[in-house]
C-alpha atoms as a PDB file:
ATOM      1  CA  MET A   1      18.859 -27.331 -12.322  1.00  0.00           C
ATOM      2  CA  ASP A   2      19.141 -28.348 -15.740  1.00  0.00           C
ATOM      3  CA  ASN A   3      21.863 -30.883 -16.574  1.00  0.00           C
ATOM      4  CA  ASP A   4      22.466 -29.051 -19.817  1.00  0.00           C
ATOM      5  CA  LYS A   5      24.936 -27.179 -19.804  1.00  0.00           C
ATOM      6  CA  GLN A   6      25.613 -24.434 -22.380  1.00  0.00           C
ATOM      7  CA  SER A   7      28.685 -21.671 -23.328  1.00  0.00           C
ATOM      8  CA  PHE A   8      29.301 -18.333 -22.235  1.00  0.00           C
ATOM      9  CA  TRP A   9      27.884 -17.688 -26.408  1.00  0.00           C
ATOM     10  CA  ASP A  10      24.908 -19.778 -26.387  1.00  0.00           C
ATOM     11  CA  HIS A  11      24.315 -17.739 -22.788  1.00  0.00           C
ATOM     12  CA  LEU A  12      24.981 -14.890 -24.501  1.00  0.00           C
ATOM     13  CA  ASP A  13      22.581 -15.641 -27.533  1.00  0.00           C
ATOM     14  CA  VAL A  14      19.621 -16.991 -25.505  1.00  0.00           C
ATOM     15  CA  LEU A  15      19.500 -13.555 -23.500  1.00  0.00           C
ATOM     16  CA  ARG A  16      19.909 -11.266 -26.879  1.00  0.00           C
ATOM     17  CA  ALA A  17      16.738 -13.686 -28.193  1.00  0.00           C
ATOM     18  CA  ALA A  18      15.117 -12.062 -25.206  1.00  0.00           C
ATOM     19  CA  ILE A  19      16.221  -8.846 -25.170  1.00  0.00           C
ATOM     20  CA  ILE A  20      15.447  -8.227 -28.480  1.00  0.00           C
ATOM     21  CA  ARG A  21      11.572 -10.384 -27.867  1.00  0.00           C
ATOM     22  CA  ILE A  22      11.040  -7.480 -25.049  1.00  0.00           C
ATOM     23  CA  VAL A  23      12.227  -4.660 -27.194  1.00  0.00           C
ATOM     24  CA  ALA A  24       9.646  -5.669 -30.071  1.00  0.00           C
ATOM     25  CA  VAL A  25       6.699  -5.761 -27.759  1.00  0.00           C
ATOM     26  CA  THR A  26       8.028  -3.114 -25.432  1.00  0.00           C
ATOM     27  CA  VAL A  27       7.744  -1.033 -29.411  1.00  0.00           C
ATOM     28  CA  ILE A  28       4.326  -2.148 -30.592  1.00  0.00           C
ATOM     29  CA  PHE A  29       2.700  -1.240 -27.300  1.00  0.00           C
ATOM     30  CA  GLY A  30       4.089   1.816 -27.014  1.00  0.00           C
ATOM     31  CA  VAL A  31       3.358   2.472 -30.952  1.00  0.00           C
ATOM     32  CA  LEU A  32      -0.146   1.095 -30.272  1.00  0.00           C
ATOM     33  CA  ALA A  33      -0.044   4.074 -27.332  1.00  0.00           C
ATOM     34  CA  PHE A  34       1.042   6.463 -29.510  1.00  0.00           C
ATOM     35  CA  PHE A  35      -1.609   6.199 -32.493  1.00  0.00           C
ATOM     36  CA  PHE A  36      -4.779   6.039 -29.702  1.00  0.00           C
ATOM     37  CA  LYS A  37      -3.605   9.698 -28.140  1.00  0.00           C
ATOM     38  CA  GLU A  38      -7.052  10.687 -27.049  1.00  0.00           C
ATOM     39  CA  GLN A  39      -7.559   7.209 -24.806  1.00  0.00           C
ATOM     40  CA  LEU A  40      -4.047   7.605 -23.530  1.00  0.00           C
ATOM     41  CA  PHE A  41      -4.118  11.153 -22.320  1.00  0.00           C
ATOM     42  CA  ALA A  42      -7.770  11.234 -21.024  1.00  0.00           C
ATOM     43  CA  VAL A  43      -6.166   8.589 -18.783  1.00  0.00           C
ATOM     44  CA  VAL A  44      -3.095  10.578 -18.038  1.00  0.00           C
ATOM     45  CA  LEU A  45      -5.213  13.979 -17.685  1.00  0.00           C
ATOM     46  CA  ALA A  46      -7.761  12.949 -15.764  1.00  0.00           C
ATOM     47  CA  PRO A  47      -6.442  13.413 -12.578  1.00  0.00           C
ATOM     48  CA  LYS A  48      -5.933  16.899 -13.467  1.00  0.00           C
ATOM     49  CA  ASP A  49     -10.336  17.642 -14.237  1.00  0.00           C
ATOM     50  CA  SER A  50     -12.365  18.276 -10.619  1.00  0.00           C
ATOM     51  CA  GLY A  51     -14.692  15.738 -11.353  1.00  0.00           C
ATOM     52  CA  PHE A  52     -12.296  12.687 -11.348  1.00  0.00           C
ATOM     53  CA  ILE A  53     -13.066   9.809  -9.208  1.00  0.00           C
ATOM     54  CA  THR A  54     -10.940  10.333  -5.815  1.00  0.00           C
ATOM     55  CA  TYR A  55     -11.766  13.919  -5.603  1.00  0.00           C
ATOM     56  CA  ARG A  56     -15.760  13.278  -6.200  1.00  0.00           C
ATOM     57  CA  LEU A  57     -15.229  10.678  -3.047  1.00  0.00           C
ATOM     58  CA  PHE A  58     -13.217  12.406  -1.127  1.00  0.00           C
ATOM     59  CA  ASP A  59     -16.038  15.705  -1.287  1.00  0.00           C
ATOM     60  CA  VAL A  60     -18.576  13.354  -0.786  1.00  0.00           C
ATOM     61  CA  ILE A  61     -17.164  12.085   2.870  1.00  0.00           C
ATOM     62  CA  ASN A  62     -16.394  15.810   3.501  1.00  0.00           C
ATOM     63  CA  GLY A  63     -20.277  16.126   2.660  1.00  0.00           C
ATOM     64  CA  MET A  64     -21.026  13.093   5.133  1.00  0.00           C
ATOM     65  CA  VAL A  65     -18.884  15.231   7.790  1.00  0.00           C
ATOM     66  CA  THR A  66     -19.069  18.696   7.527  1.00  0.00           C
ATOM     67  CA  ASP A  67     -22.392  18.585   5.650  1.00  0.00           C
ATOM     68  CA  SER A  68     -20.238  20.853   2.913  1.00  0.00           C
ATOM     69  CA  TYR A  69     -18.684  20.352  -0.338  1.00  0.00           C
ATOM     70  CA  ILE A  70     -15.442  21.738  -1.591  1.00  0.00           C
ATOM     71  CA  THR A  71     -16.127  23.678  -4.907  1.00  0.00           C
ATOM     72  CA  ASP A  72     -15.246  22.835  -8.640  1.00  0.00           C
ATOM     73  CA  PHE A  73     -11.802  23.551  -9.141  1.00  0.00           C
ATOM     74  CA  SER A  74      -9.997  24.174 -12.572  1.00  0.00           C
ATOM     75  CA  ILE A  75      -6.213  24.095 -13.128  1.00  0.00           C
ATOM     76  CA  ARG A  76      -5.006  24.642 -16.727  1.00  0.00           C
ATOM     77  CA  LEU A  77      -2.055  23.262 -17.819  1.00  0.00           C
ATOM     78  CA  ILE A  78       0.332  24.869 -20.472  1.00  0.00           C
ATOM     79  CA  ASN A  79       2.510  24.137 -23.130  1.00  0.00           C
ATOM     80  CA  THR A  80       5.695  26.503 -22.861  1.00  0.00           C
ATOM     81  CA  GLY A  81       7.991  24.998 -25.987  1.00  0.00           C
ATOM     82  CA  LEU A  82       7.767  24.406 -29.924  1.00  0.00           C
ATOM     83  CA  ALA A  83       7.963  20.684 -30.258  1.00  0.00           C
ATOM     84  CA  GLU A  84       7.275  20.039 -26.234  1.00  0.00           C
ATOM     85  CA  GLN A  85       3.731  18.415 -26.528  1.00  0.00           C
ATOM     86  CA  PHE A  86       5.071  15.770 -29.316  1.00  0.00           C
ATOM     87  CA  ILE A  87       7.941  14.578 -27.180  1.00  0.00           C
ATOM     88  CA  ILE A  88       6.038  14.572 -24.272  1.00  0.00           C
ATOM     89  CA  HIS A  89       3.571  12.310 -26.178  1.00  0.00           C
ATOM     90  CA  MET A  90       5.949  10.204 -27.393  1.00  0.00           C
ATOM     91  CA  LYS A  91       7.270   9.468 -24.044  1.00  0.00           C
ATOM     92  CA  THR A  92       4.035   9.383 -22.680  1.00  0.00           C
ATOM     93  CA  ALA A  93       4.010   6.635 -24.935  1.00  0.00           C
ATOM     94  CA  MET A  94       7.104   5.158 -24.638  1.00  0.00           C
ATOM     95  CA  TYR A  95       5.964   5.098 -20.515  1.00  0.00           C
ATOM     96  CA  ALA A  96       2.359   3.382 -21.378  1.00  0.00           C
ATOM     97  CA  GLY A  97       4.550   1.394 -23.670  1.00  0.00           C
ATOM     98  CA  VAL A  98       6.550  -0.377 -20.574  1.00  0.00           C
ATOM     99  CA  LEU A  99       3.942  -0.159 -18.492  1.00  0.00           C
ATOM    100  CA  CYS A 100       2.300  -2.578 -20.829  1.00  0.00           C
ATOM    101  CA  ALA A 101       4.992  -4.784 -22.306  1.00  0.00           C
ATOM    102  CA  SER A 102       6.071  -5.472 -18.502  1.00  0.00           C
ATOM    103  CA  PRO A 103       4.500  -9.026 -17.574  1.00  0.00           C
ATOM    104  CA  TYR A 104       5.807  -9.765 -21.149  1.00  0.00           C
ATOM    105  CA  ILE A 105       9.249  -8.467 -19.776  1.00  0.00           C
ATOM    106  CA  LEU A 106       9.252 -10.220 -16.890  1.00  0.00           C
ATOM    107  CA  TYR A 107       8.474 -13.895 -18.062  1.00  0.00           C
ATOM    108  CA  GLN A 108      11.252 -12.900 -20.492  1.00  0.00           C
ATOM    109  CA  LEU A 109      13.680 -12.602 -18.099  1.00  0.00           C
ATOM    110  CA  PHE A 110      12.239 -14.930 -15.604  1.00  0.00           C
ATOM    111  CA  ARG A 111      12.491 -17.827 -18.901  1.00  0.00           C
ATOM    112  CA  PHE A 112      16.277 -16.403 -19.374  1.00  0.00           C
ATOM    113  CA  VAL A 113      17.102 -17.325 -15.101  1.00  0.00           C
ATOM    114  CA  SER A 114      15.325 -20.463 -14.248  1.00  0.00           C
ATOM    115  CA  PRO A 115      16.988 -22.872 -15.838  1.00  0.00           C
ATOM    116  CA  ALA A 116      19.776 -21.493 -13.619  1.00  0.00           C
ATOM    117  CA  LEU A 117      18.081 -21.973 -10.159  1.00  0.00           C
ATOM    118  CA  TYR A 118      16.461 -25.962  -8.458  1.00  0.00           C
ATOM    119  CA  THR A 119      13.057 -26.197  -8.147  1.00  0.00           C
ATOM    120  CA  ASN A 120      12.837 -25.109  -4.446  1.00  0.00           C
ATOM    121  CA  GLU A 121      14.128 -21.719  -5.867  1.00  0.00           C
ATOM    122  CA  ARG A 122      12.463 -21.267  -8.652  1.00  0.00           C
ATOM    123  CA  LYS A 123       8.952 -21.406  -6.656  1.00  0.00           C
ATOM    124  CA  TYR A 124      10.550 -18.499  -4.054  1.00  0.00           C
ATOM    125  CA  ALA A 125      11.658 -16.917  -7.240  1.00  0.00           C
ATOM    126  CA  THR A 126       8.327 -16.820  -8.732  1.00  0.00           C
ATOM    127  CA  ARG A 127       7.245 -15.994  -5.591  1.00  0.00           C
ATOM    128  CA  VAL A 128       8.900 -12.873  -4.964  1.00  0.00           C
ATOM    129  CA  VAL A 129       8.265 -12.270  -8.378  1.00  0.00           C
ATOM    130  CA  GLY A 130       4.877 -12.456  -8.675  1.00  0.00           C
ATOM    131  CA  SER A 131       4.265 -10.612  -5.261  1.00  0.00           C
ATOM    132  CA  GLY A 132       6.391  -8.021  -6.200  1.00  0.00           C
ATOM    133  CA  TYR A 133       5.355  -6.973  -9.648  1.00  0.00           C
ATOM    134  CA  LEU A 134       1.614  -7.492  -7.387  1.00  0.00           C
ATOM    135  CA  MET A 135       3.225  -4.658  -4.927  1.00  0.00           C
ATOM    136  CA  PHE A 136       4.776  -2.808  -7.534  1.00  0.00           C
ATOM    137  CA  VAL A 137       1.377  -2.244  -9.521  1.00  0.00           C
ATOM    138  CA  VAL A 138      -0.281  -1.480  -6.121  1.00  0.00           C
ATOM    139  CA  GLY A 139       1.962   1.513  -5.595  1.00  0.00           C
ATOM    140  CA  VAL A 140       1.261   2.855  -8.741  1.00  0.00           C
ATOM    141  CA  LEU A 141      -2.298   2.475  -9.298  1.00  0.00           C
ATOM    142  CA  LEU A 142      -2.619   4.248  -5.392  1.00  0.00           C
ATOM    143  CA  SER A 143       0.075   7.125  -6.987  1.00  0.00           C
ATOM    144  CA  TYR A 144      -2.835   7.444 -10.046  1.00  0.00           C
ATOM    145  CA  TYR A 145      -5.636   7.498  -7.789  1.00  0.00           C
ATOM    146  CA  MET A 146      -4.985   8.836  -4.019  1.00  0.00           C
ATOM    147  CA  ILE A 147      -0.977  10.204  -3.642  1.00  0.00           C
ATOM    148  CA  PHE A 148      -0.726  12.773  -6.605  1.00  0.00           C
ATOM    149  CA  PRO A 149      -4.759  13.447  -7.396  1.00  0.00           C
ATOM    150  CA  LEU A 150      -4.867  15.339  -3.665  1.00  0.00           C
ATOM    151  CA  THR A 151      -0.726  16.554  -3.779  1.00  0.00           C
ATOM    152  CA  PHE A 152      -2.277  17.788  -7.507  1.00  0.00           C
ATOM    153  CA  ARG A 153      -5.504  19.677  -6.145  1.00  0.00           C
ATOM    154  CA  PHE A 154      -3.223  20.772  -2.751  1.00  0.00           C
ATOM    155  CA  LEU A 155      -0.532  22.307  -4.506  1.00  0.00           C
ATOM    156  CA  GLY A 156      -2.333  23.003  -8.030  1.00  0.00           C
ATOM    157  CA  THR A 157      -5.344  25.141  -6.336  1.00  0.00           C
ATOM    158  CA  TYR A 158      -3.124  26.689  -3.658  1.00  0.00           C
ATOM    159  CA  GLN A 159      -2.517  30.562  -3.676  1.00  0.00           C
ATOM    160  CA  VAL A 160      -0.310  33.435  -2.475  1.00  0.00           C
ATOM    161  CA  SER A 161      -2.567  35.683  -3.806  1.00  0.00           C
ATOM    162  CA  GLY A 162      -5.760  36.292  -5.630  1.00  0.00           C
ATOM    163  CA  GLU A 163      -4.081  38.275  -7.970  1.00  0.00           C
ATOM    164  CA  VAL A 164      -1.190  35.211  -8.833  1.00  0.00           C
ATOM    165  CA  GLU A 165      -2.713  32.713 -11.390  1.00  0.00           C
ATOM    166  CA  ASN A 166      -1.496  28.650 -11.556  1.00  0.00           C
ATOM    167  CA  MET A 167      -1.079  27.578 -14.771  1.00  0.00           C
ATOM    168  CA  ILE A 168       0.991  24.306 -14.367  1.00  0.00           C
ATOM    169  CA  THR A 169       2.911  23.119 -17.462  1.00  0.00           C
ATOM    170  CA  LEU A 170       2.576  20.254 -19.451  1.00  0.00           C
ATOM    171  CA  GLN A 171       6.054  18.731 -18.530  1.00  0.00           C
ATOM    172  CA  SER A 172       5.365  19.778 -14.847  1.00  0.00           C
ATOM    173  CA  TYR A 173       2.447  17.472 -14.774  1.00  0.00           C
ATOM    174  CA  ILE A 174       3.380  14.043 -16.670  1.00  0.00           C
ATOM    175  CA  SER A 175       7.335  14.680 -14.840  1.00  0.00           C
ATOM    176  CA  THR A 176       5.575  14.420 -11.365  1.00  0.00           C
ATOM    177  CA  LEU A 177       2.681  11.927 -12.438  1.00  0.00           C
ATOM    178  CA  VAL A 178       5.731   9.646 -13.340  1.00  0.00           C
ATOM    179  CA  ILE A 179       7.816  10.090 -10.775  1.00  0.00           C
ATOM    180  CA  MET A 180       5.206   9.695  -8.051  1.00  0.00           C
ATOM    181  CA  SER A 181       4.199   6.178  -9.496  1.00  0.00           C
ATOM    182  CA  LEU A 182       7.279   5.116  -9.952  1.00  0.00           C
ATOM    183  CA  ALA A 183       8.388   5.799  -6.855  1.00  0.00           C
ATOM    184  CA  MET A 184       5.557   4.423  -5.209  1.00  0.00           C
ATOM    185  CA  GLY A 185       5.688   1.400  -6.733  1.00  0.00           C
ATOM    186  CA  ILE A 186       9.178   0.960  -5.813  1.00  0.00           C
ATOM    187  CA  VAL A 187       8.029   1.966  -2.234  1.00  0.00           C
ATOM    188  CA  PHE A 188       5.554  -0.788  -2.116  1.00  0.00           C
ATOM    189  CA  GLU A 189       8.108  -3.730  -3.048  1.00  0.00           C
ATOM    190  CA  MET A 190       8.888  -2.862   0.539  1.00  0.00           C
ATOM    191  CA  PRO A 191       6.982  -6.051   2.234  1.00  0.00           C
ATOM    192  CA  VAL A 192       8.283  -8.543  -0.552  1.00  0.00           C
ATOM    193  CA  LEU A 193      11.235  -7.405   0.698  1.00  0.00           C
ATOM    194  CA  SER A 194      11.173  -7.489   3.666  1.00  0.00           C
ATOM    195  CA  TRP A 195       9.860 -11.261   3.991  1.00  0.00           C
ATOM    196  CA  LEU A 196      12.831 -12.266   1.123  1.00  0.00           C
ATOM    197  CA  PHE A 197      15.433 -10.935   3.467  1.00  0.00           C
ATOM    198  CA  ALA A 198      13.788 -13.007   6.429  1.00  0.00           C
ATOM    199  CA  LYS A 199      13.719 -15.903   4.508  1.00  0.00           C
ATOM    200  CA  LEU A 200      17.676 -15.158   4.108  1.00  0.00           C
ATOM    201  CA  GLY A 201      18.220 -15.187   7.830  1.00  0.00           C
ATOM    202  CA  PHE A 202      19.251 -11.284   7.508  1.00  0.00           C
ATOM    203  CA  LEU A 203      16.410  -9.410   8.592  1.00  0.00           C
ATOM    204  CA  SER A 204      14.338 -10.407  11.932  1.00  0.00           C
ATOM    205  CA  ALA A 205      11.143  -8.766  13.537  1.00  0.00           C
ATOM    206  CA  ASP A 206      12.744  -7.772  16.898  1.00  0.00           C
ATOM    207  CA  PHE A 207      15.622  -5.947  14.990  1.00  0.00           C
ATOM    208  CA  MET A 208      12.292  -4.321  12.924  1.00  0.00           C
ATOM    209  CA  CYS A 209      10.644  -2.946  15.925  1.00  0.00           C
ATOM    210  CA  ARG A 210      13.837  -1.977  17.817  1.00  0.00           C
ATOM    211  CA  TYR A 211      14.560   0.192  15.504  1.00  0.00           C
ATOM    212  CA  ARG A 212      11.138   1.438  14.825  1.00  0.00           C
ATOM    213  CA  LYS A 213      12.348   4.925  15.792  1.00  0.00           C
ATOM    214  CA  HIS A 214      15.246   5.014  13.389  1.00  0.00           C
ATOM    215  CA  ALA A 215      12.510   3.680  10.839  1.00  0.00           C
ATOM    216  CA  VAL A 216      10.033   6.743  11.012  1.00  0.00           C
ATOM    217  CA  ILE A 217      12.825   9.152  10.151  1.00  0.00           C
ATOM    218  CA  ILE A 218      14.279   7.451   7.626  1.00  0.00           C
ATOM    219  CA  ILE A 219      10.795   6.964   6.019  1.00  0.00           C
ATOM    220  CA  LEU A 220       9.971  11.036   6.582  1.00  0.00           C
ATOM    221  CA  ILE A 221      13.992  11.482   4.494  1.00  0.00           C
ATOM    222  CA  ILE A 222      13.258   9.285   1.553  1.00  0.00           C
ATOM    223  CA  ALA A 223       9.900  10.505   1.444  1.00  0.00           C
ATOM    224  CA  ALA A 224      11.006  14.237   1.373  1.00  0.00           C
ATOM    225  CA  ILE A 225      14.090  12.896  -1.897  1.00  0.00           C
ATOM    226  CA  ILE A 226      11.556  11.206  -3.670  1.00  0.00           C
ATOM    227  CA  THR A 227       8.379  13.582  -3.734  1.00  0.00           C
ATOM    228  CA  PRO A 228       8.996  16.575  -6.548  1.00  0.00           C
ATOM    229  CA  THR A 229       7.533  19.206  -4.378  1.00  0.00           C
ATOM    230  CA  SER A 230       8.696  20.797  -1.077  1.00  0.00           C
ATOM    231  CA  ASP A 231       6.035  21.162   0.765  1.00  0.00           C
ATOM    232  CA  ILE A 232       5.014  19.270   3.917  1.00  0.00           C
ATOM    233  CA  PHE A 233       1.266  18.207   2.545  1.00  0.00           C
ATOM    234  CA  THR A 234       2.658  16.312  -0.112  1.00  0.00           C
ATOM    235  CA  LEU A 235       5.424  14.840   2.053  1.00  0.00           C
ATOM    236  CA  LEU A 236       2.921  13.413   4.693  1.00  0.00           C
ATOM    237  CA  LEU A 237       1.055  12.158   1.886  1.00  0.00           C
ATOM    238  CA  VAL A 238       3.976   9.928   0.803  1.00  0.00           C
ATOM    239  CA  SER A 239       5.243   8.906   3.985  1.00  0.00           C
ATOM    240  CA  LEU A 240       1.699   7.759   5.743  1.00  0.00           C
ATOM    241  CA  PRO A 241       1.753   4.702   3.315  1.00  0.00           C
ATOM    242  CA  MET A 242       5.523   3.927   3.881  1.00  0.00           C
ATOM    243  CA  TRP A 243       5.177   3.735   7.621  1.00  0.00           C
ATOM    244  CA  ILE A 244       2.174   0.922   7.204  1.00  0.00           C
ATOM    245  CA  LEU A 245       4.495  -0.842   4.771  1.00  0.00           C
ATOM    246  CA  TYR A 246       6.414  -0.825   7.767  1.00  0.00           C
ATOM    247  CA  GLU A 247       4.494  -1.866  10.080  1.00  0.00           C
ATOM    248  CA  ILE A 248       3.086  -4.399   7.494  1.00  0.00           C
ATOM    249  CA  SER A 249       5.865  -5.730   6.808  1.00  0.00           C
ATOM    250  CA  ILE A 250       7.295  -6.791  10.685  1.00  0.00           C
ATOM    251  CA  TYR A 251       3.989  -9.175  10.827  1.00  0.00           C
ATOM    252  CA  ILE A 252       5.458 -10.361   7.265  1.00  0.00           C
ATOM    253  CA  VAL A 253       8.989 -10.901   9.032  1.00  0.00           C
ATOM    254  CA  LYS A 254       7.245 -12.479  12.225  1.00  0.00           C
ATOM    255  CA  ILE A 255       5.525 -15.428  10.132  1.00  0.00           C
ATOM    256  CA  ALA A 256       8.362 -15.718   7.730  1.00  0.00           C
ATOM    257  CA  THR A 257      10.169 -16.452  10.802  1.00  0.00           C
ATOM    258  CA  THR A 258       8.113 -18.532  12.751  1.00  0.00           C
ATOM    259  CA  CYS A 259       7.747 -20.532   9.920  1.00  0.00           C
ATOM    260  CA  LYS A 260      11.267 -21.170   9.127  1.00  0.00           C
ATOM    261  CA  ASN A 261      11.594 -21.915  13.271  1.00  0.00           C
ATOM    262  CA  GLU A 262       9.235 -24.600  12.949  1.00  0.00           C
ATOM    263  CA  ILE A 263      10.711 -26.262   9.778  1.00  0.00           C
ATOM    264  CA  THR A 264      14.373 -26.239  11.328  1.00  0.00           C
ATOM    265  CA  ILE A 265      12.758 -28.032  14.260  1.00  0.00           C
ATOM    266  CA  THR A 266      11.165 -30.427  12.226  1.00  0.00           C
ATOM    267  CA  ILE A 267      14.334 -31.307  10.006  1.00  0.00           C
END
């Protein structure tokens, strides 16, 4: 912990300067994303095409198992509002700006908080923040490359009758992509939080094993809440990674608890 003491107003000035820098960098990235519209939406709209890497990979796997490939699909995105495309363009650019600026945002926030921490606390804080950010990115990438594309293909091609054509609105597509990516990013914080709670003595592996059945039910409920659709396919697709993360968290808690006990015995 730093010995230099600052008044409340000094801390407020430092925080205000950090927020200004964060907003400035986020706006810069957002403006850049706005002007690179073609590249931005080439990435955002890629999962709607049958040539997306996830679909091709699953089709190859399906062909190796059943000797038959899934036919190409075509889903149209439509716009229903006069200014809707321009508004969605700005929102998507803003989301991209926040995502690109997120490492800098975390750096500024940690830089503001770190002077109040001791050396060992900074070490743990760096691990938690770094691991948490990495897991969040992994969750977003998993949603973009697997959960959202498979959900989109299943629901976008599902028909109650051949006479009913699916035409998905652009607003529905973007909102579903953002919600599912954000939700999976947050869900992937489970191992990091479990490690932190185990280090603080709030969580044990025995407790997690004892209430595993209850956790599965809670996972299904959470998956049903965060999924923007009500079909069983999406529910299982979202809940499966959450269950795997829970099992991984049990193993991480065991390691964290064992290391903590060894340090205590040594002392």
